[in-house]
Each structure stands twice: as structure tokens, then as C-alpha cells.
Amino acid sequence: MKLHHPVIVIAFAALLSSVTAAEKTTAPSQWQWAKARIDGESVVVWSDSVADPVAVRYAWANNPTCNLWNGAGFPAASFRTDDFLIWSRTAKYEGY
């Protein structure tokens, strides 16, 4: 992931074929929907409502819309570029 304010660029090893949206943030728990486009083997993510982004999450929901595919037709798994703590009502996840 490279920050090129106000966009974030995420590089992939395989050729990409389709993407339309992701989420990005300036701080934990302040996620906003973002737009995304493919540029070679990278995804460029931006949002008019996030001027200084720090992280991106893709397909990070209970029932996400997955629209990022590689050249062989396989979908990308959900991912995140942050290491923010994730809280639930009963448990805390502290990363890998």
C-alpha cells in the first residue's frame, strides 16, 4: 500500500480485471465508502469525503459485494491494510 494523498494505491501480483468500490478511513471507526479503479496491477482508492486517508478495507462486511477479480477470473479475498483493534460486544481481536 502506498499513500499518494488523497488516494491510496494497492499493488497486486496478478493482473486485475474489475473493481468499483472499497472503504477507506482517516482513523479507526471512521470508515467511509470510497471509489476505486484499476491502474495496471494496482487498485487506486479515493473518496471525496476522506482528504487524508490512512487505510483501506475491501469486502469487509458480513455480506460484502465482491467485485475485484484477477485475470483468471478468481475473486480477491477480503483484505484490510490497517492493524486497528477490532471490537465486538463480547470479544476484542488484536491482530495477527
C-alpha atoms as a PDB file:
ATOM      1  CA  MET A   1       0.000   0.000   0.000  1.00  0.00           C
ATOM      2  CA  LYS A   2       1.292   3.442  -0.916  1.00  0.00           C
ATOM      3  CA  LEU A   3      -0.219   6.708   0.229  1.00  0.00           C
ATOM      4  CA  HIS A   4      -0.456   9.325  -2.511  1.00  0.00           C
ATOM      5  CA  HIS A   5      -2.751  11.827  -0.799  1.00  0.00           C
ATOM      6  CA  PRO A   6      -5.662  11.908  -1.308  1.00  0.00           C
ATOM      7  CA  VAL A   7      -5.540   8.394  -2.807  1.00  0.00           C
ATOM      8  CA  ILE A   8      -4.214   5.024  -1.661  1.00  0.00           C
ATOM      9  CA  VAL A   9      -2.628   2.662  -4.184  1.00  0.00           C
ATOM     10  CA  ILE A  10      -2.643  -1.099  -3.503  1.00  0.00           C
ATOM     11  CA  ALA A  11      -0.394  -3.260  -5.680  1.00  0.00           C
ATOM     12  CA  PHE A  12      -1.251  -6.856  -6.632  1.00  0.00           C
ATOM     13  CA  ALA A  13       0.901  -9.612  -8.121  1.00  0.00           C
ATOM     14  CA  ALA A  14      -1.756 -10.742 -10.627  1.00  0.00           C
ATOM     15  CA  LEU A  15      -3.453  -8.742 -13.342  1.00  0.00           C
ATOM     16  CA  LEU A  16      -6.788  -7.335 -12.186  1.00  0.00           C
ATOM     17  CA  SER A  17      -9.962  -7.101 -14.194  1.00  0.00           C
ATOM     18  CA  SER A  18     -12.713  -5.321 -12.226  1.00  0.00           C
ATOM     19  CA  VAL A  19     -13.363  -3.205  -9.136  1.00  0.00           C
ATOM     20  CA  THR A  20     -15.779  -0.418  -8.270  1.00  0.00           C
ATOM     21  CA  ALA A  21     -15.712   0.327  -4.529  1.00  0.00           C
ATOM     22  CA  ALA A  22     -13.945  -0.141  -1.216  1.00  0.00           C
ATOM     23  CA  GLU A  23     -13.793   1.645   2.123  1.00  0.00           C
ATOM     24  CA  LYS A  24     -11.128   3.948   3.462  1.00  0.00           C
ATOM     25  CA  THR A  25     -10.544   5.919   6.619  1.00  0.00           C
ATOM     26  CA  THR A  26      -8.606   8.637   8.389  1.00  0.00           C
ATOM     27  CA  ALA A  27      -8.870   6.928  11.788  1.00  0.00           C
ATOM     28  CA  PRO A  28     -10.297   3.794  13.437  1.00  0.00           C
ATOM     29  CA  SER A  29     -14.119   3.590  13.292  1.00  0.00           C
ATOM     30  CA  GLN A  30     -14.419   6.478  10.813  1.00  0.00           C
ATOM     31  CA  TRP A  31     -14.797   4.404   7.655  1.00  0.00           C
ATOM     32  CA  GLN A  32     -16.270   5.950   4.515  1.00  0.00           C
ATOM     33  CA  TRP A  33     -17.278   4.383   1.206  1.00  0.00           C
ATOM     34  CA  ALA A  34     -14.719   5.052  -1.469  1.00  0.00           C
ATOM     35  CA  LYS A  35     -14.358   4.723  -5.213  1.00  0.00           C
ATOM     36  CA  ALA A  36     -11.735   2.512  -6.806  1.00  0.00           C
ATOM     37  CA  ARG A  37     -10.243   1.960 -10.226  1.00  0.00           C
ATOM     38  CA  ILE A  38      -7.676  -0.396 -11.679  1.00  0.00           C
ATOM     39  CA  ASP A  39      -4.401   1.054 -12.909  1.00  0.00           C
ATOM     40  CA  GLY A  40      -2.235  -1.749 -14.331  1.00  0.00           C
ATOM     41  CA  GLU A  41      -1.681  -4.200 -11.462  1.00  0.00           C
ATOM     42  CA  SER A  42      -2.766  -1.741  -8.772  1.00  0.00           C
ATOM     43  CA  VAL A  43      -6.052  -0.531  -7.369  1.00  0.00           C
ATOM     44  CA  VAL A  44      -6.339   3.219  -6.785  1.00  0.00           C
ATOM     45  CA  VAL A  45      -8.812   4.082  -3.995  1.00  0.00           C
ATOM     46  CA  TRP A  46     -10.171   7.545  -3.184  1.00  0.00           C
ATOM     47  CA  SER A  47     -13.125   9.321  -1.608  1.00  0.00           C
ATOM     48  CA  ASP A  48     -14.155  12.954  -1.805  1.00  0.00           C
ATOM     49  CA  SER A  49     -15.029  12.763   1.906  1.00  0.00           C
ATOM     50  CA  VAL A  50     -11.584  11.494   3.039  1.00  0.00           C
ATOM     51  CA  ALA A  51      -8.844  14.050   2.427  1.00  0.00           C
ATOM     52  CA  ASP A  52      -6.035  12.316   4.344  1.00  0.00           C
ATOM     53  CA  PRO A  53      -6.541   8.510   4.124  1.00  0.00           C
ATOM     54  CA  VAL A  54      -4.554   6.018   6.185  1.00  0.00           C
ATOM     55  CA  ALA A  55      -6.111   2.625   5.373  1.00  0.00           C
ATOM     56  CA  VAL A  56      -8.357   0.646   3.025  1.00  0.00           C
ATOM     57  CA  ARG A  57     -10.658  -2.320   3.575  1.00  0.00           C
ATOM     58  CA  TYR A  58     -12.148  -4.384   0.769  1.00  0.00           C
ATOM     59  CA  ALA A  59     -15.172  -6.696   1.153  1.00  0.00           C
ATOM     60  CA  TRP A  60     -15.040  -6.125   4.915  1.00  0.00           C
ATOM     61  CA  ALA A  61     -18.656  -6.811   5.888  1.00  0.00           C
ATOM     62  CA  ASN A  62     -20.982  -9.666   6.820  1.00  0.00           C
ATOM     63  CA  ASN A  63     -22.329  -9.927   3.270  1.00  0.00           C
ATOM     64  CA  PRO A  64     -19.961  -7.899   1.081  1.00  0.00           C
ATOM     65  CA  THR A  65     -20.217  -7.029  -2.569  1.00  0.00           C
ATOM     66  CA  CYS A  66     -17.092  -8.561  -4.072  1.00  0.00           C
ATOM     67  CA  ASN A  67     -16.138  -7.096  -7.416  1.00  0.00           C
ATOM     68  CA  LEU A  68     -12.360  -7.449  -7.608  1.00  0.00           C
ATOM     69  CA  TRP A  69     -11.167 -10.307  -9.836  1.00  0.00           C
ATOM     70  CA  ASN A  70      -7.849 -11.453 -11.219  1.00  0.00           C
ATOM     71  CA  GLY A  71      -7.169 -12.138 -14.890  1.00  0.00           C
ATOM     72  CA  ALA A  72      -8.008 -15.842 -14.412  1.00  0.00           C
ATOM     73  CA  GLY A  73     -11.486 -14.984 -13.129  1.00  0.00           C
ATOM     74  CA  PHE A  74     -10.898 -15.664  -9.439  1.00  0.00           C
ATOM     75  CA  PRO A  75     -12.257 -13.201  -6.866  1.00  0.00           C
ATOM     76  CA  ALA A  76      -9.989 -11.414  -4.412  1.00  0.00           C
ATOM     77  CA  ALA A  77     -10.430 -12.335  -0.773  1.00  0.00           C
ATOM     78  CA  SER A  78     -11.454  -9.624   1.647  1.00  0.00           C
ATOM     79  CA  PHE A  79      -8.491  -7.670   2.990  1.00  0.00           C
ATOM     80  CA  ARG A  80      -7.528  -4.683   5.069  1.00  0.00           C
ATOM     81  CA  THR A  81      -4.417  -2.520   5.126  1.00  0.00           C
ATOM     82  CA  ASP A  82      -4.831  -1.404   8.748  1.00  0.00           C
ATOM     83  CA  ASP A  83      -3.974  -3.010  12.063  1.00  0.00           C
ATOM     84  CA  PHE A  84      -6.610  -1.207  14.141  1.00  0.00           C
ATOM     85  CA  LEU A  85      -8.122  -3.147  17.038  1.00  0.00           C
ATOM     86  CA  ILE A  86     -11.436  -4.794  16.146  1.00  0.00           C
ATOM     87  CA  TRP A  87     -14.043  -4.872  18.893  1.00  0.00           C
ATOM     88  CA  SER A  88     -17.274  -6.795  19.197  1.00  0.00           C
ATOM     89  CA  ARG A  89     -19.768  -6.846  22.053  1.00  0.00           C
ATOM     90  CA  THR A  90     -18.076  -9.837  23.628  1.00  0.00           C
ATOM     91  CA  ALA A  91     -14.526 -10.022  22.335  1.00  0.00           C
ATOM     92  CA  LYS A  92     -11.560  -7.995  21.187  1.00  0.00           C
ATOM     93  CA  TYR A  93      -9.396  -9.018  18.229  1.00  0.00           C
ATOM     94  CA  GLU A  94      -5.844  -7.684  18.424  1.00  0.00           C
ATOM     95  CA  GLY A  95      -4.472  -8.612  15.011  1.00  0.00           C
ATOM     96  CA  TYR A  96      -2.396 -11.433  13.626  1.00  0.00           C
END
